[in-house]
Every structure is written in C-alpha cells, then in structure tokens.
Amino acid sequence: MAHHKSTIKRIRQTATRTERNRYYRTRFKNIVKAVTTAAEANDKTAAQEAFKVANKQIHKMVSKGFLKKTTAARKVSRLNILVNKIAA
C-alpha cells in the first residue's frame, strides 16, 4: 500500500480514469459495430443513421481526450467509405 499522499492521490486518479476509459472503449466498439452491422445487412438508411450517431460520438470522444483527432478522423473516414459502398 502507498504511504505518500501524492501516490495515494495517483491511485485514486488511475481508478477514476480506468473506469471512464472502460465506458468510452465499450461505447466506441458498440457504435462502430452498429454501423458495420447495418452495412453488412445492406440497409443503407440504417447505416446512414448509425453513421451520423457514430460521427458525432467519435468526435465527442476526441474532445474528452479518449481518442486522438487523427485516429478519430481515420475511423470516421473508414466508416464513411463502408456506408457509401452500399448499393441503394
């Protein structure tokens, strides 16, 4: 067990951040999965709606510090390509 005040605080901070990141990680996976599932089912309208939600949420994760801006842009770009490949 830690004895220094600063170390005790660091342990608390790590626990909080771990919990927050776990939420964002799960949310991220579910958002991406919703888009890919709709795209694989060739459901263009559902894929477009899921993509709108994904785009907004992924960029919100950037502002929260969970993702880097370039990583988010790459993920969104790939999802957009996937959605646009669906034949109407």
N, C-alpha and C. Protein backbone atom coordinates (compact mmCIF):
# COMPACT_ATOMS: atom_id res chain seq x y z
N MET A 1 0.85 -1.19 0.00
CA MET A 1 0.00 0.00 0.00
C MET A 1 0.89 1.25 0.00
N ALA A 2 0.41 2.27 -0.68
CA ALA A 2 1.17 3.51 -0.79
C ALA A 2 1.16 4.27 0.53
N HIS A 3 2.26 4.99 0.78
CA HIS A 3 2.37 5.75 2.02
C HIS A 3 2.37 7.25 1.79
N HIS A 4 2.74 7.68 0.59
CA HIS A 4 2.81 9.12 0.31
C HIS A 4 1.45 9.63 -0.16
N LYS A 5 1.17 10.87 0.21
CA LYS A 5 -0.11 11.47 -0.18
C LYS A 5 -0.26 11.51 -1.70
N SER A 6 0.82 11.90 -2.37
CA SER A 6 0.75 12.03 -3.83
C SER A 6 0.50 10.67 -4.50
N THR A 7 1.06 9.62 -3.94
CA THR A 7 0.87 8.29 -4.50
C THR A 7 -0.55 7.80 -4.28
N ILE A 8 -1.10 8.10 -3.13
CA ILE A 8 -2.48 7.73 -2.83
C ILE A 8 -3.42 8.45 -3.79
N LYS A 9 -3.15 9.73 -4.05
CA LYS A 9 -3.96 10.50 -4.99
C LYS A 9 -3.85 9.91 -6.40
N ARG A 10 -2.64 9.54 -6.79
CA ARG A 10 -2.43 8.94 -8.11
C ARG A 10 -3.23 7.65 -8.27
N ILE A 11 -3.29 6.85 -7.23
CA ILE A 11 -4.06 5.60 -7.28
C ILE A 11 -5.54 5.91 -7.49
N ARG A 12 -6.04 6.92 -6.78
CA ARG A 12 -7.44 7.34 -6.96
C ARG A 12 -7.69 7.82 -8.38
N GLN A 13 -6.79 8.63 -8.89
CA GLN A 13 -6.95 9.18 -10.25
C GLN A 13 -6.93 8.07 -11.29
N THR A 14 -6.04 7.11 -11.12
CA THR A 14 -5.93 6.00 -12.05
C THR A 14 -7.23 5.19 -12.07
N ALA A 15 -7.79 4.94 -10.91
CA ALA A 15 -9.04 4.18 -10.83
C ALA A 15 -10.17 4.91 -11.54
N THR A 16 -10.25 6.21 -11.34
CA THR A 16 -11.29 7.02 -11.99
C THR A 16 -11.13 7.01 -13.49
N ARG A 17 -9.91 7.22 -13.95
CA ARG A 17 -9.65 7.26 -15.40
C ARG A 17 -9.88 5.90 -16.05
N THR A 18 -9.51 4.83 -15.35
CA THR A 18 -9.72 3.50 -15.87
C THR A 18 -11.20 3.23 -16.08
N GLU A 19 -12.00 3.62 -15.11
CA GLU A 19 -13.45 3.42 -15.21
C GLU A 19 -14.03 4.23 -16.36
N ARG A 20 -13.60 5.46 -16.50
CA ARG A 20 -14.09 6.34 -17.57
C ARG A 20 -13.69 5.79 -18.93
N ASN A 21 -12.43 5.36 -19.06
CA ASN A 21 -11.95 4.84 -20.34
C ASN A 21 -12.64 3.53 -20.70
N ARG A 22 -12.98 2.72 -19.71
CA ARG A 22 -13.69 1.47 -19.97
C ARG A 22 -15.05 1.77 -20.60
N TYR A 23 -15.74 2.79 -20.06
CA TYR A 23 -17.03 3.20 -20.61
C TYR A 23 -16.87 3.64 -22.06
N TYR A 24 -15.90 4.51 -22.33
CA TYR A 24 -15.70 5.02 -23.68
C TYR A 24 -15.28 3.91 -24.65
N ARG A 25 -14.44 3.00 -24.19
CA ARG A 25 -13.99 1.90 -25.04
C ARG A 25 -15.17 1.03 -25.48
N THR A 26 -16.03 0.70 -24.53
CA THR A 26 -17.20 -0.11 -24.82
C THR A 26 -18.16 0.63 -25.75
N ARG A 27 -18.38 1.90 -25.46
CA ARG A 27 -19.26 2.73 -26.28
C ARG A 27 -18.74 2.82 -27.71
N PHE A 28 -17.44 3.00 -27.85
CA PHE A 28 -16.81 3.11 -29.16
C PHE A 28 -17.02 1.84 -29.98
N LYS A 29 -16.77 0.69 -29.34
CA LYS A 29 -16.95 -0.59 -30.03
C LYS A 29 -18.39 -0.78 -30.49
N ASN A 30 -19.35 -0.44 -29.62
CA ASN A 30 -20.76 -0.61 -29.95
C ASN A 30 -21.19 0.31 -31.09
N ILE A 31 -20.66 1.53 -31.10
CA ILE A 31 -21.01 2.49 -32.15
C ILE A 31 -20.51 1.98 -33.50
N VAL A 32 -19.26 1.54 -33.54
CA VAL A 32 -18.68 1.04 -34.78
C VAL A 32 -19.40 -0.22 -35.24
N LYS A 33 -19.74 -1.07 -34.29
CA LYS A 33 -20.42 -2.32 -34.62
C LYS A 33 -21.80 -2.06 -35.21
N ALA A 34 -22.50 -1.04 -34.72
CA ALA A 34 -23.82 -0.71 -35.25
C ALA A 34 -23.74 -0.32 -36.72
N VAL A 35 -22.72 0.46 -37.07
CA VAL A 35 -22.55 0.88 -38.46
C VAL A 35 -22.18 -0.32 -39.33
N THR A 36 -21.23 -1.11 -38.90
CA THR A 36 -20.78 -2.25 -39.71
C THR A 36 -21.89 -3.29 -39.87
N THR A 37 -22.66 -3.52 -38.83
CA THR A 37 -23.76 -4.49 -38.92
C THR A 37 -24.80 -4.04 -39.93
N ALA A 38 -25.16 -2.76 -39.88
CA ALA A 38 -26.13 -2.23 -40.84
C ALA A 38 -25.57 -2.27 -42.25
N ALA A 39 -24.29 -2.01 -42.41
CA ALA A 39 -23.67 -2.04 -43.73
C ALA A 39 -23.62 -3.46 -44.29
N GLU A 40 -23.31 -4.43 -43.44
CA GLU A 40 -23.26 -5.82 -43.88
C GLU A 40 -24.64 -6.34 -44.27
N ALA A 41 -25.68 -5.76 -43.64
CA ALA A 41 -27.05 -6.17 -43.96
C ALA A 41 -27.58 -5.43 -45.19
N ASN A 42 -26.74 -4.58 -45.80
CA ASN A 42 -27.11 -3.77 -46.97
C ASN A 42 -28.32 -2.87 -46.71
N ASP A 43 -28.43 -2.39 -45.48
CA ASP A 43 -29.50 -1.47 -45.10
C ASP A 43 -28.94 -0.06 -45.11
N LYS A 44 -29.10 0.62 -46.24
CA LYS A 44 -28.46 1.93 -46.43
C LYS A 44 -28.98 2.97 -45.44
N THR A 45 -30.28 3.03 -45.23
CA THR A 45 -30.83 4.06 -44.34
C THR A 45 -30.39 3.85 -42.90
N ALA A 46 -30.41 2.60 -42.45
CA ALA A 46 -29.98 2.30 -41.08
C ALA A 46 -28.49 2.59 -40.92
N ALA A 47 -27.71 2.26 -41.94
CA ALA A 47 -26.27 2.51 -41.89
C ALA A 47 -25.98 4.01 -41.84
N GLN A 48 -26.72 4.78 -42.61
CA GLN A 48 -26.52 6.23 -42.61
C GLN A 48 -26.89 6.85 -41.27
N GLU A 49 -27.98 6.39 -40.68
CA GLU A 49 -28.39 6.89 -39.35
C GLU A 49 -27.35 6.51 -38.30
N ALA A 50 -26.90 5.26 -38.35
CA ALA A 50 -25.88 4.81 -37.39
C ALA A 50 -24.58 5.58 -37.59
N PHE A 51 -24.26 5.91 -38.84
CA PHE A 51 -23.05 6.67 -39.13
C PHE A 51 -23.14 8.08 -38.57
N LYS A 52 -24.31 8.71 -38.68
CA LYS A 52 -24.49 10.05 -38.11
C LYS A 52 -24.21 10.04 -36.61
N VAL A 53 -24.77 9.05 -35.93
CA VAL A 53 -24.56 8.93 -34.48
C VAL A 53 -23.08 8.66 -34.19
N ALA A 54 -22.49 7.77 -34.97
CA ALA A 54 -21.09 7.40 -34.76
C ALA A 54 -20.18 8.61 -34.96
N ASN A 55 -20.41 9.37 -36.01
CA ASN A 55 -19.59 10.54 -36.31
C ASN A 55 -19.61 11.53 -35.14
N LYS A 56 -20.81 11.82 -34.65
CA LYS A 56 -20.94 12.76 -33.55
C LYS A 56 -20.27 12.24 -32.28
N GLN A 57 -20.52 10.99 -31.95
CA GLN A 57 -19.99 10.43 -30.71
C GLN A 57 -18.47 10.27 -30.76
N ILE A 58 -17.94 9.88 -31.90
CA ILE A 58 -16.49 9.70 -32.01
C ILE A 58 -15.79 11.05 -31.84
N HIS A 59 -16.34 12.08 -32.45
CA HIS A 59 -15.72 13.39 -32.29
C HIS A 59 -15.89 13.95 -30.88
N LYS A 60 -16.95 13.54 -30.21
CA LYS A 60 -17.12 13.93 -28.81
C LYS A 60 -16.05 13.25 -27.95
N MET A 61 -15.69 12.03 -28.29
CA MET A 61 -14.65 11.32 -27.57
C MET A 61 -13.29 12.00 -27.74
N VAL A 62 -13.09 12.65 -28.88
CA VAL A 62 -11.87 13.41 -29.09
C VAL A 62 -11.82 14.58 -28.11
N SER A 63 -12.93 15.27 -27.97
CA SER A 63 -12.95 16.43 -27.08
C SER A 63 -12.78 16.02 -25.62
N LYS A 64 -13.17 14.79 -25.29
CA LYS A 64 -12.99 14.29 -23.92
C LYS A 64 -11.59 13.74 -23.68
N GLY A 65 -10.81 13.61 -24.76
CA GLY A 65 -9.44 13.13 -24.62
C GLY A 65 -9.29 11.63 -24.71
N PHE A 66 -10.33 10.93 -25.10
CA PHE A 66 -10.25 9.48 -25.20
C PHE A 66 -9.53 9.06 -26.48
N LEU A 67 -9.78 9.77 -27.57
CA LEU A 67 -9.15 9.48 -28.85
C LEU A 67 -8.36 10.68 -29.34
N LYS A 68 -7.34 10.39 -30.14
CA LYS A 68 -6.63 11.47 -30.82
C LYS A 68 -7.45 11.90 -32.03
N LYS A 69 -7.24 13.14 -32.45
CA LYS A 69 -8.00 13.68 -33.57
C LYS A 69 -7.78 12.88 -34.85
N THR A 70 -6.54 12.50 -35.11
CA THR A 70 -6.23 11.77 -36.34
C THR A 70 -6.82 10.36 -36.33
N THR A 71 -6.83 9.74 -35.17
CA THR A 71 -7.42 8.40 -35.05
C THR A 71 -8.91 8.46 -35.32
N ALA A 72 -9.56 9.46 -34.76
CA ALA A 72 -11.00 9.62 -34.96
C ALA A 72 -11.30 9.88 -36.43
N ALA A 73 -10.49 10.73 -37.06
CA ALA A 73 -10.71 11.05 -38.47
C ALA A 73 -10.55 9.79 -39.33
N ARG A 74 -9.58 8.96 -39.02
CA ARG A 74 -9.36 7.73 -39.76
C ARG A 74 -10.54 6.77 -39.60
N LYS A 75 -11.00 6.61 -38.37
CA LYS A 75 -12.13 5.71 -38.11
C LYS A 75 -13.39 6.18 -38.82
N VAL A 76 -13.66 7.49 -38.72
CA VAL A 76 -14.85 8.05 -39.35
C VAL A 76 -14.76 7.90 -40.87
N SER A 77 -13.58 8.15 -41.42
CA SER A 77 -13.39 8.03 -42.85
C SER A 77 -13.65 6.60 -43.33
N ARG A 78 -13.15 5.64 -42.61
CA ARG A 78 -13.35 4.24 -42.99
C ARG A 78 -14.81 3.82 -42.88
N LEU A 79 -15.48 4.31 -41.85
CA LEU A 79 -16.90 4.01 -41.71
C LEU A 79 -17.70 4.65 -42.84
N ASN A 80 -17.32 5.88 -43.21
CA ASN A 80 -17.99 6.58 -44.30
C ASN A 80 -17.83 5.83 -45.61
N ILE A 81 -16.64 5.33 -45.89
CA ILE A 81 -16.39 4.56 -47.09
C ILE A 81 -17.25 3.30 -47.08
N LEU A 82 -17.36 2.65 -45.93
CA LEU A 82 -18.15 1.44 -45.79
C LEU A 82 -19.63 1.72 -46.09
N VAL A 83 -20.13 2.82 -45.58
CA VAL A 83 -21.54 3.18 -45.79
C VAL A 83 -21.77 3.55 -47.25
N ASN A 84 -20.85 4.26 -47.85
CA ASN A 84 -21.03 4.68 -49.24
C ASN A 84 -20.92 3.53 -50.24
N LYS A 85 -20.33 2.42 -49.83
CA LYS A 85 -20.21 1.26 -50.71
C LYS A 85 -21.55 0.54 -50.89
N ILE A 86 -22.47 0.76 -49.98
CA ILE A 86 -23.76 0.05 -50.02
C ILE A 86 -24.54 0.53 -51.25
N ALA A 87 -25.01 -0.42 -52.04
CA ALA A 87 -25.82 -0.09 -53.21
C ALA A 87 -27.23 0.29 -52.75
N ALA A 88 -27.71 1.39 -53.26
CA ALA A 88 -29.05 1.88 -52.83
C ALA A 88 -30.16 1.06 -53.38
